[in-house]
Amino acid sequence: MNIKLIQGEFSANDAIELIAQMIQVKIKYHENKIDNRSNEEDIKSFEVKIKQLQKELFDLRQNYNSNKSLKIEAIIKVE
């Protein structure tokens, strides 16, 4: 099953904002997992994932800070 979460063309600002909000949801998910874990190995794994998401968002903002429109296609594939 595929869920088309996002598909379309957006202004750079709108595209970045949309992606940033999605990343923040994923970061919040990992933070909640950290709050519910006592296993240090699991916590470190979630922290690494959070840092990677933050880096990707930073890179996105650095590379697409223009007035161009951006095409986004985000599909969730459930197997």
Protein backbone atom coordinates (compact mmCIF):
# COMPACT_ATOMS: atom_id res chain seq x y z
CA MET A 1 0.00 0.00 0.00
CA ASN A 2 1.28 3.45 -0.93
CA ILE A 3 0.04 6.67 0.65
CA LYS A 4 0.76 9.84 -1.33
CA LEU A 5 1.44 12.17 1.54
CA ILE A 6 2.65 15.12 -0.52
CA GLN A 7 2.68 15.66 -4.24
CA GLY A 8 2.95 18.98 -5.96
CA GLU A 9 4.87 22.13 -6.68
CA PHE A 10 5.38 24.68 -3.91
CA SER A 11 7.20 27.95 -3.43
CA ALA A 12 10.60 27.37 -1.85
CA ASN A 13 9.42 28.91 1.43
CA ASP A 14 6.26 26.79 1.55
CA ALA A 15 8.16 23.63 0.60
CA ILE A 16 10.77 24.18 3.30
CA GLU A 17 8.09 24.95 5.88
CA LEU A 18 6.15 21.82 4.98
CA ILE A 19 9.23 19.61 5.15
CA ALA A 20 10.35 21.28 8.39
CA GLN A 21 7.01 20.51 10.02
CA MET A 22 7.23 16.88 8.93
CA ILE A 23 10.76 16.61 10.30
CA GLN A 24 9.64 18.17 13.60
CA VAL A 25 6.94 15.51 13.93
CA LYS A 26 9.55 12.79 13.41
CA ILE A 27 11.91 14.43 15.93
CA LYS A 28 9.07 14.62 18.47
CA TYR A 29 8.39 10.91 17.87
CA HIS A 30 12.03 10.07 18.68
CA GLU A 31 12.01 12.36 21.73
CA ASN A 32 8.94 10.56 23.06
CA LYS A 33 10.72 7.23 22.56
CA ILE A 34 13.68 8.55 24.55
CA ASP A 35 11.37 9.61 27.38
CA ASN A 36 9.97 6.08 27.58
CA ARG A 37 13.28 4.19 27.43
CA SER A 38 15.83 3.43 30.06
CA ASN A 39 18.14 1.45 27.79
CA GLU A 40 21.15 3.66 27.09
CA GLU A 41 21.81 2.03 23.72
CA ASP A 42 18.26 2.78 22.51
CA ILE A 43 18.50 6.36 23.75
CA LYS A 44 21.77 6.93 21.87
CA SER A 45 20.23 5.48 18.72
CA PHE A 46 17.29 7.87 18.92
CA GLU A 47 19.63 10.80 19.61
CA VAL A 48 21.64 9.95 16.49
CA LYS A 49 18.43 9.89 14.44
CA ILE A 50 17.37 13.26 15.83
CA LYS A 51 20.74 14.84 15.05
CA GLN A 52 20.61 13.46 11.50
CA LEU A 53 17.14 14.91 10.93
CA GLN A 54 18.25 18.29 12.30
CA LYS A 55 21.28 18.25 9.98
CA GLU A 56 19.16 17.39 6.96
CA LEU A 57 16.76 20.24 7.77
CA PHE A 58 19.69 22.65 8.17
CA ASP A 59 21.15 21.51 4.83
CA LEU A 60 17.77 21.91 3.15
CA ARG A 61 17.43 25.47 4.42
CA GLN A 62 20.96 26.30 3.26
CA ASN A 63 20.53 24.85 -0.24
CA TYR A 64 17.02 26.04 -1.11
CA ASN A 65 16.84 29.57 0.19
CA SER A 66 15.51 31.06 -3.03
CA ASN A 67 12.35 32.16 -4.77
CA LYS A 68 12.21 29.09 -7.00
CA SER A 69 9.38 26.65 -6.82
CA LEU A 70 10.16 23.12 -5.68
CA LYS A 71 8.48 19.87 -6.56
CA ILE A 72 7.87 17.51 -3.67
CA GLU A 73 6.76 13.94 -3.82
CA ALA A 74 6.48 12.08 -0.52
CA ILE A 75 5.09 8.59 -0.55
CA ILE A 76 4.74 6.31 2.45
CA LYS A 77 5.14 2.71 1.43
CA VAL A 78 3.54 0.22 3.81
CA GLU A 79 4.41 -3.43 3.33
